[in-house]
Amino acid sequence: MDIPKFLFGDNTDYPSAIFIIHTEYPRFIINLENDEVIWLEEFSMEDEKELEAEARELFEAANEFYDREIGRYED
């Protein structure tokens, strides 16, 4: 099954949270309300150094995905 790189998540237990799920490596969930990130992978110390640079780009892409999705709802 193919799934999109990003998914938009919602949960009534967290009414003000805006969750974006990144489904490709490195998988994570970011709450755009407070920028809290939960990684769904385990990383070695070497991986963490590489991830720091990549993470910023991934978080920006998650925000762009959210903006695009909201724009589509408004249209």
PDB file of N, CA and C in Angstrom:
ATOM      1  N   MET A   1       0.848  -1.166   0.000  1.00  0.00           N
ATOM      2  CA  MET A   1       0.000   0.000   0.000  1.00  0.00           C
ATOM      3  C   MET A   1       0.896   1.231   0.000  1.00  0.00           C
ATOM      4  N   ASP A   2       0.579   2.175  -0.841  1.00  0.00           N
ATOM      5  CA  ASP A   2       1.272   3.466  -0.845  1.00  0.00           C
ATOM      6  C   ASP A   2       0.562   4.415   0.102  1.00  0.00           C
ATOM      7  N   ILE A   3       1.356   5.098   0.909  1.00  0.00           N
ATOM      8  CA  ILE A   3       0.787   6.144   1.760  1.00  0.00           C
ATOM      9  C   ILE A   3       1.586   7.415   1.536  1.00  0.00           C
ATOM     10  N   PRO A   4       0.965   8.569   1.746  1.00  0.00           N
ATOM     11  CA  PRO A   4       1.657   9.837   1.524  1.00  0.00           C
ATOM     12  C   PRO A   4       2.823  10.016   2.503  1.00  0.00           C
ATOM     13  N   LYS A   5       3.749  10.874   2.122  1.00  0.00           N
ATOM     14  CA  LYS A   5       4.900  11.182   2.968  1.00  0.00           C
ATOM     15  C   LYS A   5       4.460  11.843   4.273  1.00  0.00           C
ATOM     16  N   PHE A   6       3.434  12.685   4.216  1.00  0.00           N
ATOM     17  CA  PHE A   6       2.896  13.360   5.399  1.00  0.00           C
ATOM     18  C   PHE A   6       1.411  13.054   5.536  1.00  0.00           C
ATOM     19  N   LEU A   7       0.976  12.905   6.783  1.00  0.00           N
ATOM     20  CA  LEU A   7      -0.435  12.740   7.097  1.00  0.00           C
ATOM     21  C   LEU A   7      -0.820  13.787   8.125  1.00  0.00           C
ATOM     22  N   PHE A   8      -2.036  14.251   8.031  1.00  0.00           N
ATOM     23  CA  PHE A   8      -2.597  15.232   8.957  1.00  0.00           C
ATOM     24  C   PHE A   8      -3.348  14.453  10.029  1.00  0.00           C
ATOM     25  N   GLY A   9      -3.047  14.690  11.313  1.00  0.00           N
ATOM     26  CA  GLY A   9      -3.693  13.948  12.386  1.00  0.00           C
ATOM     27  C   GLY A   9      -4.502  14.851  13.291  1.00  0.00           C
ATOM     28  N   ASP A  10      -5.579  14.302  13.828  1.00  0.00           N
ATOM     29  CA  ASP A  10      -6.474  15.039  14.707  1.00  0.00           C
ATOM     30  C   ASP A  10      -6.944  14.071  15.780  1.00  0.00           C
ATOM     31  N   ASN A  11      -7.186  14.599  16.988  1.00  0.00           N
ATOM     32  CA  ASN A  11      -7.661  13.769  18.073  1.00  0.00           C
ATOM     33  C   ASN A  11      -8.463  14.647  19.026  1.00  0.00           C
ATOM     34  N   THR A  12      -9.683  14.233  19.337  1.00  0.00           N
ATOM     35  CA  THR A  12     -10.545  15.061  20.192  1.00  0.00           C
ATOM     36  C   THR A  12     -10.034  15.160  21.628  1.00  0.00           C
ATOM     37  N   ASP A  13      -9.138  14.262  22.041  1.00  0.00           N
ATOM     38  CA  ASP A  13      -8.531  14.369  23.366  1.00  0.00           C
ATOM     39  C   ASP A  13      -7.543  15.532  23.446  1.00  0.00           C
ATOM     40  N   TYR A  14      -7.107  16.015  22.298  1.00  0.00           N
ATOM     41  CA  TYR A  14      -6.178  17.147  22.207  1.00  0.00           C
ATOM     42  C   TYR A  14      -6.767  18.159  21.226  1.00  0.00           C
ATOM     43  N   PRO A  15      -7.793  18.889  21.628  1.00  0.00           N
ATOM     44  CA  PRO A  15      -8.556  19.713  20.690  1.00  0.00           C
ATOM     45  C   PRO A  15      -7.762  20.840  20.026  1.00  0.00           C
ATOM     46  N   SER A  16      -6.720  21.339  20.656  1.00  0.00           N
ATOM     47  CA  SER A  16      -5.971  22.434  20.031  1.00  0.00           C
ATOM     48  C   SER A  16      -4.709  21.949  19.324  1.00  0.00           C
ATOM     49  N   ALA A  17      -4.404  20.669  19.408  1.00  0.00           N
ATOM     50  CA  ALA A  17      -3.198  20.117  18.786  1.00  0.00           C
ATOM     51  C   ALA A  17      -3.388  19.945  17.287  1.00  0.00           C
ATOM     52  N   ILE A  18      -2.312  20.120  16.560  1.00  0.00           N
ATOM     53  CA  ILE A  18      -2.287  19.904  15.110  1.00  0.00           C
ATOM     54  C   ILE A  18      -1.133  18.941  14.851  1.00  0.00           C
ATOM     55  N   PHE A  19      -1.448  17.677  14.592  1.00  0.00           N
ATOM     56  CA  PHE A  19      -0.428  16.659  14.412  1.00  0.00           C
ATOM     57  C   PHE A  19      -0.143  16.440  12.928  1.00  0.00           C
ATOM     58  N   ILE A  20       1.144  16.408  12.597  1.00  0.00           N
ATOM     59  CA  ILE A  20       1.579  16.010  11.268  1.00  0.00           C
ATOM     60  C   ILE A  20       2.462  14.783  11.450  1.00  0.00           C
ATOM     61  N   ILE A  21       2.154  13.712  10.716  1.00  0.00           N
ATOM     62  CA  ILE A  21       2.889  12.464  10.816  1.00  0.00           C
ATOM     63  C   ILE A  21       3.746  12.309   9.566  1.00  0.00           C
ATOM     64  N   HIS A  22       5.043  12.143   9.767  1.00  0.00           N
ATOM     65  CA  HIS A  22       5.976  11.894   8.665  1.00  0.00           C
ATOM     66  C   HIS A  22       6.147  10.388   8.569  1.00  0.00           C
ATOM     67  N   THR A  23       5.803   9.788   7.429  1.00  0.00           N
ATOM     68  CA  THR A  23       5.725   8.336   7.305  1.00  0.00           C
ATOM     69  C   THR A  23       6.977   7.691   6.728  1.00  0.00           C
ATOM     70  N   GLU A  24       7.932   8.493   6.282  1.00  0.00           N
ATOM     71  CA  GLU A  24       9.164   7.948   5.724  1.00  0.00           C
ATOM     72  C   GLU A  24      10.293   8.114   6.738  1.00  0.00           C
ATOM     73  N   TYR A  25      11.391   7.402   6.526  1.00  0.00           N
ATOM     74  CA  TYR A  25      12.525   7.514   7.446  1.00  0.00           C
ATOM     75  C   TYR A  25      13.116   8.908   7.383  1.00  0.00           C
ATOM     76  N   PRO A  26      13.364   9.514   8.485  1.00  0.00           N
ATOM     77  CA  PRO A  26      13.081   9.134   9.854  1.00  0.00           C
ATOM     78  C   PRO A  26      11.640   9.508  10.220  1.00  0.00           C
ATOM     79  N   ARG A  27      10.888   8.540  10.660  1.00  0.00           N
ATOM     80  CA  ARG A  27       9.472   8.753  10.967  1.00  0.00           C
ATOM     81  C   ARG A  27       9.322   9.535  12.268  1.00  0.00           C
ATOM     82  N   PHE A  28       8.358  10.461  12.263  1.00  0.00           N
ATOM     83  CA  PHE A  28       8.097  11.254  13.462  1.00  0.00           C
ATOM     84  C   PHE A  28       6.692  11.816  13.430  1.00  0.00           C
ATOM     85  N   ILE A  29       6.251  12.297  14.582  1.00  0.00           N
ATOM     86  CA  ILE A  29       5.002  13.046  14.707  1.00  0.00           C
ATOM     87  C   ILE A  29       5.373  14.386  15.313  1.00  0.00           C
ATOM     88  N   ILE A  30       4.916  15.462  14.685  1.00  0.00           N
ATOM     89  CA  ILE A  30       5.151  16.798  15.227  1.00  0.00           C
ATOM     90  C   ILE A  30       3.806  17.437  15.540  1.00  0.00           C
ATOM     91  N   ASN A  31       3.737  18.064  16.678  1.00  0.00           N
ATOM     92  CA  ASN A  31       2.555  18.821  17.068  1.00  0.00           C
ATOM     93  C   ASN A  31       2.853  20.282  16.727  1.00  0.00           C
ATOM     94  N   LEU A  32       2.214  20.805  15.718  1.00  0.00           N
ATOM     95  CA  LEU A  32       2.486  22.169  15.269  1.00  0.00           C
ATOM     96  C   LEU A  32       2.032  23.218  16.270  1.00  0.00           C
ATOM     97  N   GLU A  33       1.204  22.835  17.215  1.00  0.00           N
ATOM     98  CA  GLU A  33       0.758  23.779  18.242  1.00  0.00           C
ATOM     99  C   GLU A  33       1.942  24.231  19.104  1.00  0.00           C
ATOM    100  N   ASN A  34       2.837  23.292  19.422  1.00  0.00           N
ATOM    101  CA  ASN A  34       3.951  23.621  20.316  1.00  0.00           C
ATOM    102  C   ASN A  34       5.308  23.117  19.811  1.00  0.00           C
ATOM    103  N   ASP A  35       5.352  22.605  18.586  1.00  0.00           N
ATOM    104  CA  ASP A  35       6.572  22.080  17.952  1.00  0.00           C
ATOM    105  C   ASP A  35       7.173  20.890  18.694  1.00  0.00           C
ATOM    106  N   GLU A  36       6.396  20.206  19.498  1.00  0.00           N
ATOM    107  CA  GLU A  36       6.883  18.996  20.167  1.00  0.00           C
ATOM    108  C   GLU A  36       6.976  17.872  19.135  1.00  0.00           C
ATOM    109  N   VAL A  37       8.089  17.139  19.179  1.00  0.00           N
ATOM    110  CA  VAL A  37       8.340  16.070  18.218  1.00  0.00           C
ATOM    111  C   VAL A  37       8.505  14.751  18.959  1.00  0.00           C
ATOM    112  N   ILE A  38       7.889  13.719  18.421  1.00  0.00           N
ATOM    113  CA  ILE A  38       8.097  12.361  18.904  1.00  0.00           C
ATOM    114  C   ILE A  38       8.667  11.566  17.737  1.00  0.00           C
ATOM    115  N   TRP A  39       9.857  11.039  17.939  1.00  0.00           N
ATOM    116  CA  TRP A  39      10.509  10.226  16.909  1.00  0.00           C
ATOM    117  C   TRP A  39      10.008   8.796  17.012  1.00  0.00           C
ATOM    118  N   LEU A  40       9.720   8.193  15.887  1.00  0.00           N
ATOM    119  CA  LEU A  40       9.250   6.819  15.838  1.00  0.00           C
ATOM    120  C   LEU A  40      10.376   5.873  15.427  1.00  0.00           C
ATOM    121  N   GLU A  41      11.597   6.339  15.562  1.00  0.00           N
ATOM    122  CA  GLU A  41      12.802   5.578  15.232  1.00  0.00           C
ATOM    123  C   GLU A  41      13.748   5.662  16.428  1.00  0.00           C
ATOM    124  N   GLU A  42      14.670   4.731  16.491  1.00  0.00           N
ATOM    125  CA  GLU A  42      15.756   4.817  17.457  1.00  0.00           C
ATOM    126  C   GLU A  42      17.016   5.168  16.683  1.00  0.00           C
ATOM    127  N   PHE A  43      17.831   6.073  17.242  1.00  0.00           N
ATOM    128  CA  PHE A  43      19.007   6.564  16.547  1.00  0.00           C
ATOM    129  C   PHE A  43      20.268   6.327  17.365  1.00  0.00           C
ATOM    130  N   SER A  44      21.352   6.061  16.654  1.00  0.00           N
ATOM    131  CA  SER A  44      22.662   6.008  17.298  1.00  0.00           C
ATOM    132  C   SER A  44      23.180   7.433  17.435  1.00  0.00           C
ATOM    133  N   MET A  45      24.249   7.618  18.164  1.00  0.00           N
ATOM    134  CA  MET A  45      24.840   8.952  18.331  1.00  0.00           C
ATOM    135  C   MET A  45      25.259   9.522  16.976  1.00  0.00           C
ATOM    136  N   GLU A  46      25.803   8.688  16.092  1.00  0.00           N
ATOM    137  CA  GLU A  46      26.198   9.140  14.756  1.00  0.00           C
ATOM    138  C   GLU A  46      24.981   9.609  13.966  1.00  0.00           C
ATOM    139  N   ASP A  47      23.903   8.833  14.042  1.00  0.00           N
ATOM    140  CA  ASP A  47      22.681   9.187  13.335  1.00  0.00           C
ATOM    141  C   ASP A  47      22.121  10.515  13.839  1.00  0.00           C
ATOM    142  N   GLU A  48      22.202  10.756  15.132  1.00  0.00           N
ATOM    143  CA  GLU A  48      21.651  11.982  15.706  1.00  0.00           C
ATOM    144  C   GLU A  48      22.336  13.217  15.149  1.00  0.00           C
ATOM    145  N   LYS A  49      23.641  13.148  14.918  1.00  0.00           N
ATOM    146  CA  LYS A  49      24.365  14.287  14.350  1.00  0.00           C
ATOM    147  C   LYS A  49      23.874  14.591  12.941  1.00  0.00           C
ATOM    148  N   GLU A  50      23.711  13.544  12.141  1.00  0.00           N
ATOM    149  CA  GLU A  50      23.206  13.730  10.773  1.00  0.00           C
ATOM    150  C   GLU A  50      21.764  14.224  10.796  1.00  0.00           C
ATOM    151  N   LEU A  51      21.006  13.715  11.729  1.00  0.00           N
ATOM    152  CA  LEU A  51      19.588  14.026  11.805  1.00  0.00           C
ATOM    153  C   LEU A  51      19.334  15.493  12.122  1.00  0.00           C
ATOM    154  N   GLU A  52      20.200  16.121  12.894  1.00  0.00           N
ATOM    155  CA  GLU A  52      20.004  17.516  13.267  1.00  0.00           C
ATOM    156  C   GLU A  52      19.833  18.406  12.039  1.00  0.00           C
ATOM    157  N   ALA A  53      20.685  18.222  11.042  1.00  0.00           N
ATOM    158  CA  ALA A  53      20.599  19.034   9.825  1.00  0.00           C
ATOM    159  C   ALA A  53      19.351  18.687   9.021  1.00  0.00           C
ATOM    160  N   GLU A  54      19.067  17.408   8.902  1.00  0.00           N
ATOM    161  CA  GLU A  54      17.922  16.967   8.114  1.00  0.00           C
ATOM    162  C   GLU A  54      16.595  17.320   8.789  1.00  0.00           C
ATOM    163  N   ALA A  55      16.572  17.298  10.114  1.00  0.00           N
ATOM    164  CA  ALA A  55      15.339  17.523  10.852  1.00  0.00           C
ATOM    165  C   ALA A  55      14.752  18.892  10.570  1.00  0.00           C
ATOM    166  N   ARG A  56      15.571  19.907  10.514  1.00  0.00           N
ATOM    167  CA  ARG A  56      15.077  21.262  10.256  1.00  0.00           C
ATOM    168  C   ARG A  56      14.326  21.312   8.924  1.00  0.00           C
ATOM    169  N   GLU A  57      14.890  20.687   7.907  1.00  0.00           N
ATOM    170  CA  GLU A  57      14.235  20.660   6.593  1.00  0.00           C
ATOM    171  C   GLU A  57      12.921  19.875   6.658  1.00  0.00           C
ATOM    172  N   LEU A  58      12.925  18.765   7.381  1.00  0.00           N
ATOM    173  CA  LEU A  58      11.709  17.955   7.498  1.00  0.00           C
ATOM    174  C   LEU A  58      10.603  18.699   8.238  1.00  0.00           C
ATOM    175  N   PHE A  59      10.964  19.434   9.276  1.00  0.00           N
ATOM    176  CA  PHE A  59       9.961  20.195  10.024  1.00  0.00           C
ATOM    177  C   PHE A  59       9.389  21.320   9.165  1.00  0.00           C
ATOM    178  N   GLU A  60      10.239  21.962   8.360  1.00  0.00           N
ATOM    179  CA  GLU A  60       9.753  22.989   7.438  1.00  0.00           C
ATOM    180  C   GLU A  60       8.809  22.371   6.413  1.00  0.00           C
ATOM    181  N   ALA A  61       9.165  21.191   5.906  1.00  0.00           N
ATOM    182  CA  ALA A  61       8.305  20.502   4.936  1.00  0.00           C
ATOM    183  C   ALA A  61       6.962  20.129   5.576  1.00  0.00           C
ATOM    184  N   ALA A  62       6.978  19.739   6.848  1.00  0.00           N
ATOM    185  CA  ALA A  62       5.733  19.416   7.552  1.00  0.00           C
ATOM    186  C   ALA A  62       4.846  20.646   7.665  1.00  0.00           C
ATOM    187  N   ASN A  63       5.443  21.787   7.968  1.00  0.00           N
ATOM    188  CA  ASN A  63       4.680  23.039   8.042  1.00  0.00           C
ATOM    189  C   ASN A  63       4.115  23.426   6.686  1.00  0.00           C
ATOM    190  N   GLU A  64       4.898  23.253   5.635  1.00  0.00           N
ATOM    191  CA  GLU A  64       4.424  23.555   4.281  1.00  0.00           C
ATOM    192  C   GLU A  64       3.265  22.632   3.903  1.00  0.00           C
ATOM    193  N   PHE A  65       3.375  21.358   4.265  1.00  0.00           N
ATOM    194  CA  PHE A  65       2.293  20.409   4.008  1.00  0.00           C
ATOM    195  C   PHE A  65       1.017  20.877   4.705  1.00  0.00           C
ATOM    196  N   TYR A  66       1.127  21.271   5.967  1.00  0.00           N
ATOM    197  CA  TYR A  66      -0.036  21.750   6.720  1.00  0.00           C
ATOM    198  C   TYR A  66      -0.657  22.967   6.037  1.00  0.00           C
ATOM    199  N   ASP A  67       0.164  23.944   5.674  1.00  0.00           N
ATOM    200  CA  ASP A  67      -0.342  25.149   5.009  1.00  0.00           C
ATOM    201  C   ASP A  67      -1.064  24.801   3.715  1.00  0.00           C
ATOM    202  N   ARG A  68      -0.490  23.868   2.951  1.00  0.00           N
ATOM    203  CA  ARG A  68      -1.108  23.451   1.686  1.00  0.00           C
ATOM    204  C   ARG A  68      -2.461  22.783   1.943  1.00  0.00           C
ATOM    205  N   GLU A  69      -2.502  21.883   2.930  1.00  0.00           N
ATOM    206  CA  GLU A  69      -3.754  21.185   3.231  1.00  0.00           C
ATOM    207  C   GLU A  69      -4.837  22.145   3.701  1.00  0.00           C
ATOM    208  N   ILE A  70      -4.488  23.057   4.578  1.00  0.00           N
ATOM    209  CA  ILE A  70      -5.462  24.033   5.066  1.00  0.00           C
ATOM    210  C   ILE A  70      -5.941  24.910   3.918  1.00  0.00           C
ATOM    211  N   GLY A  71      -5.041  25.292   3.034  1.00  0.00           N
ATOM    212  CA  GLY A  71      -5.418  26.074   1.866  1.00  0.00           C
ATOM    213  C   GLY A  71      -6.427  25.351   0.992  1.00  0.00           C
ATOM    214  N   ARG A  72      -6.283  24.057   0.876  1.00  0.00           N
ATOM    215  CA  ARG A  72      -7.219  23.267   0.068  1.00  0.00           C
ATOM    216  C   ARG A  72      -8.599  23.202   0.725  1.00  0.00           C
ATOM    217  N   TYR A  73      -8.636  23.153   2.064  1.00  0.00           N
ATOM    218  CA  TYR A  73      -9.916  23.160   2.764  1.00  0.00           C
ATOM    219  C   TYR A  73     -10.629  24.493   2.573  1.00  0.00           C
ATOM    220  N   GLU A  74      -9.861  25.571   2.567  1.00  0.00           N
ATOM    221  CA  GLU A  74     -10.449  26.908   2.460  1.00  0.00           C
ATOM    222  C   GLU A  74     -10.967  27.173   1.055  1.00  0.00           C
ATOM    223  N   ASP A  75     -10.408  26.485   0.051  1.00  0.00           N
ATOM    224  CA  ASP A  75     -10.861  26.679  -1.333  1.00  0.00           C
ATOM    225  C   ASP A  75     -12.149  25.953  -1.516  1.00  0.00           C
TER     226      ASP A  75
END
